[in-house]
Amino acid sequence: MLRTDLTPDAFRTRQAGTLPGQFDLRLTHIEEGRVEAEMTVDSWMLAPNGFLHAASVILLADTSCGYATMAHLPEGAKNFTTVELKSNFMSTAREGVVRAVATAEHRGRSTQVWSATVYNDQNKKMALFRCTQMILW
């Protein structure tokens, strides 16, 4: 069940002073089984080769999936932690806004599995991401 108290504004407040806050990650949409987020590419997010650093892409995808997990924790669960993640990269960006769409693959009582697709501002797929979250009771 989707928690209604965790809005995009609530996540923005919560991430102040943390890594997603440094990247100015913005949740743009939350619904049952789905979260969307975006961030604007800045020069400090690039690798020395001039392209968006893979860690920057993973930050967007992993945070989107993490926020999705938080918004969908089973009743009574205290928290969660990532136990596995995987990324495949197909494209990159040097500027503009990149966005992630995270969708639930499995939402159980002990684990959740989320997938995210990351897109550049031309709507070209940049990365496929999947993670497993362990629910903490």
N, C-alpha and C. Protein backbone atom coordinates (compact mmCIF):
# COMPACT_ATOMS: atom_id res chain seq x y z
N MET A 1 0.84 -1.18 0.00
CA MET A 1 0.00 0.00 0.00
C MET A 1 0.89 1.25 0.00
N LEU A 2 0.52 2.21 -0.77
CA LEU A 2 1.28 3.45 -0.92
C LEU A 2 1.03 4.36 0.28
N ARG A 3 2.12 4.84 0.89
CA ARG A 3 2.00 5.80 1.99
C ARG A 3 1.68 7.18 1.42
N THR A 4 0.66 7.81 1.94
CA THR A 4 0.25 9.12 1.43
C THR A 4 1.01 10.28 2.07
N ASP A 5 1.71 10.03 3.18
CA ASP A 5 2.45 11.10 3.84
C ASP A 5 3.81 11.37 3.18
N LEU A 6 4.27 10.47 2.34
CA LEU A 6 5.57 10.66 1.68
C LEU A 6 5.35 11.23 0.28
N THR A 7 5.23 12.52 0.22
CA THR A 7 5.02 13.25 -1.02
C THR A 7 6.37 13.66 -1.62
N PRO A 8 6.40 14.12 -2.86
CA PRO A 8 7.66 14.65 -3.39
C PRO A 8 8.26 15.75 -2.52
N ASP A 9 7.43 16.63 -1.97
CA ASP A 9 7.95 17.68 -1.09
C ASP A 9 8.55 17.10 0.19
N ALA A 10 7.91 16.08 0.75
CA ALA A 10 8.43 15.45 1.97
C ALA A 10 9.79 14.81 1.71
N PHE A 11 9.96 14.16 0.55
CA PHE A 11 11.27 13.58 0.22
C PHE A 11 12.31 14.67 0.01
N ARG A 12 11.94 15.76 -0.62
CA ARG A 12 12.88 16.86 -0.85
C ARG A 12 13.39 17.41 0.49
N THR A 13 12.49 17.58 1.44
CA THR A 13 12.88 18.05 2.77
C THR A 13 13.78 17.02 3.45
N ARG A 14 13.41 15.76 3.34
CA ARG A 14 14.15 14.68 4.00
C ARG A 14 15.57 14.53 3.46
N GLN A 15 15.78 14.82 2.18
CA GLN A 15 17.10 14.60 1.58
C GLN A 15 18.06 15.77 1.76
N ALA A 16 17.61 16.86 2.38
CA ALA A 16 18.49 18.00 2.61
C ALA A 16 19.71 17.55 3.40
N GLY A 17 20.90 17.93 2.92
CA GLY A 17 22.14 17.58 3.61
C GLY A 17 22.64 16.18 3.33
N THR A 18 21.97 15.45 2.44
CA THR A 18 22.41 14.10 2.08
C THR A 18 22.88 14.10 0.62
N LEU A 19 23.40 12.97 0.17
CA LEU A 19 23.91 12.88 -1.20
C LEU A 19 22.84 13.21 -2.25
N PRO A 20 21.64 12.65 -2.18
CA PRO A 20 20.63 13.05 -3.17
C PRO A 20 20.32 14.55 -3.14
N GLY A 21 20.41 15.15 -1.96
CA GLY A 21 20.21 16.60 -1.87
C GLY A 21 21.32 17.36 -2.57
N GLN A 22 22.55 16.87 -2.47
CA GLN A 22 23.67 17.51 -3.17
C GLN A 22 23.50 17.47 -4.68
N PHE A 23 22.85 16.40 -5.16
CA PHE A 23 22.59 16.26 -6.59
C PHE A 23 21.30 16.97 -7.01
N ASP A 24 20.60 17.57 -6.05
CA ASP A 24 19.32 18.24 -6.28
C ASP A 24 18.32 17.32 -6.99
N LEU A 25 18.29 16.05 -6.53
CA LEU A 25 17.35 15.09 -7.07
C LEU A 25 15.94 15.55 -6.74
N ARG A 26 15.04 15.46 -7.72
CA ARG A 26 13.67 15.91 -7.55
C ARG A 26 12.70 14.80 -7.91
N LEU A 27 11.89 14.38 -6.94
CA LEU A 27 10.81 13.45 -7.24
C LEU A 27 9.73 14.23 -7.96
N THR A 28 9.25 13.68 -9.05
CA THR A 28 8.23 14.38 -9.83
C THR A 28 6.89 13.66 -9.80
N HIS A 29 6.89 12.37 -9.40
CA HIS A 29 5.64 11.61 -9.43
C HIS A 29 5.75 10.38 -8.54
N ILE A 30 4.73 10.15 -7.74
CA ILE A 30 4.63 8.92 -6.94
C ILE A 30 3.22 8.38 -7.11
N GLU A 31 3.14 7.09 -7.43
CA GLU A 31 1.85 6.40 -7.49
C GLU A 31 2.08 4.96 -7.07
N GLU A 32 1.03 4.22 -6.94
CA GLU A 32 1.13 2.82 -6.56
C GLU A 32 2.06 2.08 -7.52
N GLY A 33 3.18 1.55 -6.99
CA GLY A 33 4.11 0.75 -7.77
C GLY A 33 5.02 1.52 -8.71
N ARG A 34 5.08 2.86 -8.57
CA ARG A 34 5.87 3.65 -9.52
C ARG A 34 6.33 4.97 -8.90
N VAL A 35 7.57 5.35 -9.19
CA VAL A 35 8.13 6.64 -8.78
C VAL A 35 8.91 7.20 -9.97
N GLU A 36 8.83 8.51 -10.17
CA GLU A 36 9.63 9.18 -11.19
C GLU A 36 10.42 10.29 -10.53
N ALA A 37 11.66 10.46 -10.98
CA ALA A 37 12.54 11.49 -10.42
C ALA A 37 13.44 12.02 -11.53
N GLU A 38 14.04 13.18 -11.26
CA GLU A 38 14.93 13.79 -12.24
C GLU A 38 16.01 14.59 -11.54
N MET A 39 17.04 14.89 -12.30
CA MET A 39 18.09 15.80 -11.83
C MET A 39 18.70 16.49 -13.04
N THR A 40 19.21 17.68 -12.82
CA THR A 40 19.85 18.45 -13.88
C THR A 40 21.34 18.15 -13.85
N VAL A 41 21.88 17.81 -15.00
CA VAL A 41 23.31 17.50 -15.10
C VAL A 41 24.12 18.78 -14.91
N ASP A 42 25.10 18.70 -14.03
CA ASP A 42 26.02 19.80 -13.79
C ASP A 42 27.43 19.30 -14.07
N SER A 43 28.35 20.21 -14.36
CA SER A 43 29.70 19.81 -14.76
C SER A 43 30.41 18.96 -13.71
N TRP A 44 30.15 19.18 -12.42
CA TRP A 44 30.82 18.39 -11.38
C TRP A 44 30.33 16.95 -11.32
N MET A 45 29.24 16.63 -12.03
CA MET A 45 28.72 15.26 -12.07
C MET A 45 29.36 14.43 -13.18
N LEU A 46 30.19 15.06 -13.99
CA LEU A 46 30.79 14.40 -15.14
C LEU A 46 32.05 13.65 -14.75
N ALA A 47 32.36 12.63 -15.54
CA ALA A 47 33.63 11.92 -15.41
C ALA A 47 34.70 12.74 -16.16
N PRO A 48 35.98 12.43 -15.96
CA PRO A 48 37.04 13.16 -16.67
C PRO A 48 36.93 13.08 -18.19
N ASN A 49 36.18 12.10 -18.72
CA ASN A 49 36.02 12.01 -20.18
C ASN A 49 34.94 12.94 -20.71
N GLY A 50 34.28 13.71 -19.82
CA GLY A 50 33.29 14.69 -20.26
C GLY A 50 31.87 14.18 -20.30
N PHE A 51 31.66 12.92 -19.97
CA PHE A 51 30.31 12.35 -19.96
C PHE A 51 29.83 12.18 -18.53
N LEU A 52 28.53 12.08 -18.36
CA LEU A 52 27.95 11.90 -17.03
C LEU A 52 28.56 10.66 -16.38
N HIS A 53 29.07 10.84 -15.17
CA HIS A 53 29.71 9.74 -14.45
C HIS A 53 28.68 8.66 -14.16
N ALA A 54 29.08 7.39 -14.29
CA ALA A 54 28.18 6.27 -14.02
C ALA A 54 27.60 6.34 -12.61
N ALA A 55 28.40 6.80 -11.65
CA ALA A 55 27.91 6.91 -10.27
C ALA A 55 26.78 7.93 -10.17
N SER A 56 26.79 8.95 -10.99
CA SER A 56 25.70 9.93 -11.00
C SER A 56 24.41 9.30 -11.50
N VAL A 57 24.53 8.47 -12.52
CA VAL A 57 23.36 7.77 -13.06
C VAL A 57 22.82 6.80 -12.01
N ILE A 58 23.71 6.08 -11.36
CA ILE A 58 23.30 5.12 -10.33
C ILE A 58 22.64 5.85 -9.16
N LEU A 59 23.16 7.03 -8.80
CA LEU A 59 22.54 7.79 -7.72
C LEU A 59 21.08 8.08 -8.04
N LEU A 60 20.81 8.52 -9.25
CA LEU A 60 19.44 8.82 -9.65
C LEU A 60 18.57 7.57 -9.62
N ALA A 61 19.05 6.49 -10.20
CA ALA A 61 18.26 5.25 -10.26
C ALA A 61 18.06 4.64 -8.88
N ASP A 62 19.14 4.55 -8.11
CA ASP A 62 19.06 3.91 -6.80
C ASP A 62 18.22 4.72 -5.83
N THR A 63 18.34 6.03 -5.86
CA THR A 63 17.53 6.87 -4.99
C THR A 63 16.06 6.78 -5.37
N SER A 64 15.77 6.75 -6.65
CA SER A 64 14.38 6.59 -7.10
C SER A 64 13.79 5.29 -6.57
N CYS A 65 14.54 4.22 -6.68
CA CYS A 65 14.07 2.93 -6.18
C CYS A 65 13.99 2.92 -4.65
N GLY A 66 14.95 3.57 -4.00
CA GLY A 66 14.92 3.65 -2.54
C GLY A 66 13.72 4.44 -2.05
N TYR A 67 13.44 5.57 -2.68
CA TYR A 67 12.27 6.36 -2.29
C TYR A 67 10.99 5.56 -2.56
N ALA A 68 10.98 4.81 -3.65
CA ALA A 68 9.82 3.98 -3.96
C ALA A 68 9.62 2.92 -2.88
N THR A 69 10.72 2.32 -2.43
CA THR A 69 10.62 1.33 -1.35
C THR A 69 10.08 1.97 -0.09
N MET A 70 10.61 3.14 0.28
CA MET A 70 10.13 3.83 1.47
C MET A 70 8.63 4.10 1.39
N ALA A 71 8.18 4.51 0.22
CA ALA A 71 6.76 4.85 0.04
C ALA A 71 5.87 3.61 0.03
N HIS A 72 6.47 2.44 -0.13
CA HIS A 72 5.70 1.20 -0.23
C HIS A 72 6.07 0.17 0.84
N LEU A 73 6.66 0.61 1.95
CA LEU A 73 6.99 -0.34 3.01
C LEU A 73 5.72 -1.00 3.55
N PRO A 74 5.79 -2.30 3.83
CA PRO A 74 4.64 -2.96 4.44
C PRO A 74 4.34 -2.34 5.81
N GLU A 75 3.09 -2.37 6.20
CA GLU A 75 2.71 -1.82 7.50
C GLU A 75 3.49 -2.51 8.62
N GLY A 76 4.07 -1.70 9.49
CA GLY A 76 4.85 -2.22 10.61
C GLY A 76 6.34 -2.32 10.33
N ALA A 77 6.74 -2.26 9.07
CA ALA A 77 8.17 -2.31 8.74
C ALA A 77 8.84 -1.03 9.25
N LYS A 78 10.08 -1.16 9.71
CA LYS A 78 10.81 -0.02 10.26
C LYS A 78 11.63 0.72 9.20
N ASN A 79 12.20 -0.02 8.26
CA ASN A 79 13.09 0.59 7.28
C ASN A 79 13.43 -0.45 6.22
N PHE A 80 14.48 -0.19 5.44
CA PHE A 80 14.95 -1.13 4.42
C PHE A 80 16.42 -0.87 4.18
N THR A 81 17.07 -1.80 3.50
CA THR A 81 18.44 -1.58 3.04
C THR A 81 18.63 -2.31 1.72
N THR A 82 19.48 -1.75 0.88
CA THR A 82 19.77 -2.37 -0.41
C THR A 82 20.71 -3.55 -0.20
N VAL A 83 20.36 -4.71 -0.77
CA VAL A 83 21.23 -5.88 -0.65
C VAL A 83 21.87 -6.26 -1.99
N GLU A 84 21.33 -5.73 -3.09
CA GLU A 84 21.93 -6.01 -4.39
C GLU A 84 21.47 -4.95 -5.38
N LEU A 85 22.38 -4.57 -6.30
CA LEU A 85 21.99 -3.69 -7.40
C LEU A 85 22.82 -4.01 -8.62
N LYS A 86 22.25 -3.69 -9.77
CA LYS A 86 22.91 -3.93 -11.05
C LYS A 86 22.50 -2.84 -12.02
N SER A 87 23.44 -2.40 -12.83
CA SER A 87 23.17 -1.38 -13.85
C SER A 87 23.76 -1.80 -15.18
N ASN A 88 23.05 -1.49 -16.24
CA ASN A 88 23.55 -1.61 -17.60
C ASN A 88 23.42 -0.24 -18.24
N PHE A 89 24.49 0.23 -18.87
CA PHE A 89 24.51 1.55 -19.48
C PHE A 89 24.48 1.43 -21.00
N MET A 90 23.64 2.25 -21.64
CA MET A 90 23.49 2.20 -23.09
C MET A 90 23.78 3.53 -23.76
N SER A 91 23.76 4.61 -22.97
CA SER A 91 23.95 5.95 -23.52
C SER A 91 24.38 6.85 -22.37
N THR A 92 24.57 8.11 -22.64
CA THR A 92 24.98 9.03 -21.58
C THR A 92 24.46 10.42 -21.89
N ALA A 93 24.89 11.37 -21.11
CA ALA A 93 24.52 12.77 -21.29
C ALA A 93 25.70 13.63 -20.87
N ARG A 94 25.73 14.84 -21.37
CA ARG A 94 26.74 15.83 -20.97
C ARG A 94 26.10 17.04 -20.32
N GLU A 95 24.79 17.18 -20.54
CA GLU A 95 24.04 18.32 -20.02
C GLU A 95 22.56 17.98 -20.04
N GLY A 96 21.75 18.89 -19.54
CA GLY A 96 20.31 18.71 -19.57
C GLY A 96 19.77 18.03 -18.32
N VAL A 97 18.54 17.58 -18.43
CA VAL A 97 17.86 16.91 -17.32
C VAL A 97 17.79 15.43 -17.65
N VAL A 98 18.19 14.59 -16.68
CA VAL A 98 18.04 13.15 -16.82
C VAL A 98 16.96 12.71 -15.83
N ARG A 99 16.20 11.70 -16.21
CA ARG A 99 15.10 11.26 -15.36
C ARG A 99 15.08 9.75 -15.24
N ALA A 100 14.52 9.29 -14.14
CA ALA A 100 14.39 7.86 -13.88
C ALA A 100 12.93 7.54 -13.62
N VAL A 101 12.52 6.38 -14.13
CA VAL A 101 11.20 5.83 -13.86
C VAL A 101 11.42 4.50 -13.16
N ALA A 102 11.03 4.43 -11.89
CA ALA A 102 11.19 3.21 -11.08
C ALA A 102 9.85 2.50 -10.97
N THR A 103 9.87 1.19 -11.22
CA THR A 103 8.64 0.40 -11.12
C THR A 103 8.89 -0.84 -10.27
N ALA A 104 7.86 -1.24 -9.57
CA ALA A 104 7.95 -2.40 -8.69
C ALA A 104 7.90 -3.68 -9.51
N GLU A 105 8.82 -4.58 -9.22
CA GLU A 105 8.81 -5.92 -9.81
C GLU A 105 8.27 -6.93 -8.81
N HIS A 106 8.56 -6.68 -7.52
CA HIS A 106 8.13 -7.58 -6.43
C HIS A 106 8.06 -6.76 -5.15
N ARG A 107 6.94 -6.85 -4.44
CA ARG A 107 6.79 -6.14 -3.17
C ARG A 107 6.32 -7.13 -2.11
N GLY A 108 7.27 -7.83 -1.53
CA GLY A 108 6.96 -8.83 -0.51
C GLY A 108 7.19 -8.29 0.89
N ARG A 109 7.02 -9.14 1.88
CA ARG A 109 7.21 -8.74 3.28
C ARG A 109 8.67 -8.75 3.70
N SER A 110 9.52 -9.51 3.02
CA SER A 110 10.93 -9.54 3.40
C SER A 110 11.84 -8.87 2.37
N THR A 111 11.41 -8.81 1.14
CA THR A 111 12.19 -8.12 0.10
C THR A 111 11.27 -7.40 -0.87
N GLN A 112 11.85 -6.40 -1.51
CA GLN A 112 11.21 -5.74 -2.64
C GLN A 112 12.24 -5.67 -3.76
N VAL A 113 11.79 -5.81 -4.99
CA VAL A 113 12.66 -5.67 -6.16
C VAL A 113 12.08 -4.54 -7.01
N TRP A 114 12.94 -3.59 -7.34
CA TRP A 114 12.55 -2.44 -8.14
C TRP A 114 13.45 -2.33 -9.37
N SER A 115 12.88 -1.93 -10.48
CA SER A 115 13.63 -1.64 -11.70
C SER A 115 13.47 -0.17 -12.03
N ALA A 116 14.53 0.42 -12.56
CA ALA A 116 14.46 1.81 -13.01
C ALA A 116 15.08 1.92 -14.39
N THR A 117 14.47 2.73 -15.21
CA THR A 117 15.02 3.09 -16.51
C THR A 117 15.37 4.56 -16.45
N VAL A 118 16.59 4.89 -16.86
CA VAL A 118 17.06 6.28 -16.85
C VAL A 118 17.09 6.78 -18.29
N TYR A 119 16.57 8.00 -18.48
CA TYR A 119 16.47 8.61 -19.81
C TYR A 119 17.18 9.96 -19.82
N ASN A 120 17.76 10.33 -20.98
CA ASN A 120 18.30 11.68 -21.12
C ASN A 120 17.18 12.61 -21.58
N ASP A 121 17.51 13.88 -21.79
CA ASP A 121 16.44 14.83 -22.13
C ASP A 121 15.95 14.73 -23.57
N GLN A 122 16.51 13.83 -24.36
CA GLN A 122 15.94 13.50 -25.67
C GLN A 122 15.10 12.22 -25.59
N ASN A 123 14.83 11.79 -24.35
CA ASN A 123 14.04 10.58 -24.06
C ASN A 123 14.70 9.31 -24.57
N LYS A 124 16.02 9.34 -24.68
CA LYS A 124 16.80 8.16 -25.08
C LYS A 124 17.18 7.39 -23.82
N LYS A 125 17.01 6.07 -23.83
CA LYS A 125 17.40 5.26 -22.69
C LYS A 125 18.89 5.35 -22.46
N MET A 126 19.25 5.66 -21.21
CA MET A 126 20.65 5.73 -20.82
C MET A 126 21.08 4.50 -20.03
N ALA A 127 20.19 4.00 -19.17
CA ALA A 127 20.57 2.90 -18.29
C ALA A 127 19.35 2.10 -17.85
N LEU A 128 19.61 0.82 -17.61
CA LEU A 128 18.64 -0.07 -16.97
C LEU A 128 19.23 -0.45 -15.62
N PHE A 129 18.42 -0.40 -14.59
CA PHE A 129 18.89 -0.59 -13.22
C PHE A 129 17.90 -1.51 -12.51
N ARG A 130 18.41 -2.36 -11.65
CA ARG A 130 17.54 -3.22 -10.81
C ARG A 130 18.20 -3.37 -9.45
N CYS A 131 17.37 -3.34 -8.41
CA CYS A 131 17.89 -3.54 -7.06
C CYS A 131 16.93 -4.37 -6.24
N THR A 132 17.50 -5.03 -5.23
CA THR A 132 16.74 -5.79 -4.25
C THR A 132 16.89 -5.10 -2.92
N GLN A 133 15.77 -4.84 -2.28
CA GLN A 133 15.75 -4.18 -0.98
C GLN A 133 15.28 -5.16 0.08
N MET A 134 16.02 -5.25 1.18
CA MET A 134 15.62 -6.10 2.30
C MET A 134 14.80 -5.23 3.27
N ILE A 135 13.60 -5.71 3.61
CA ILE A 135 12.74 -4.99 4.53
C ILE A 135 13.21 -5.27 5.96
N LEU A 136 13.34 -4.21 6.75
CA LEU A 136 13.80 -4.32 8.14
C LEU A 136 12.60 -4.15 9.07
N TRP A 137 12.47 -5.09 9.99
CA TRP A 137 11.33 -5.10 10.91
C TRP A 137 11.75 -4.71 12.30
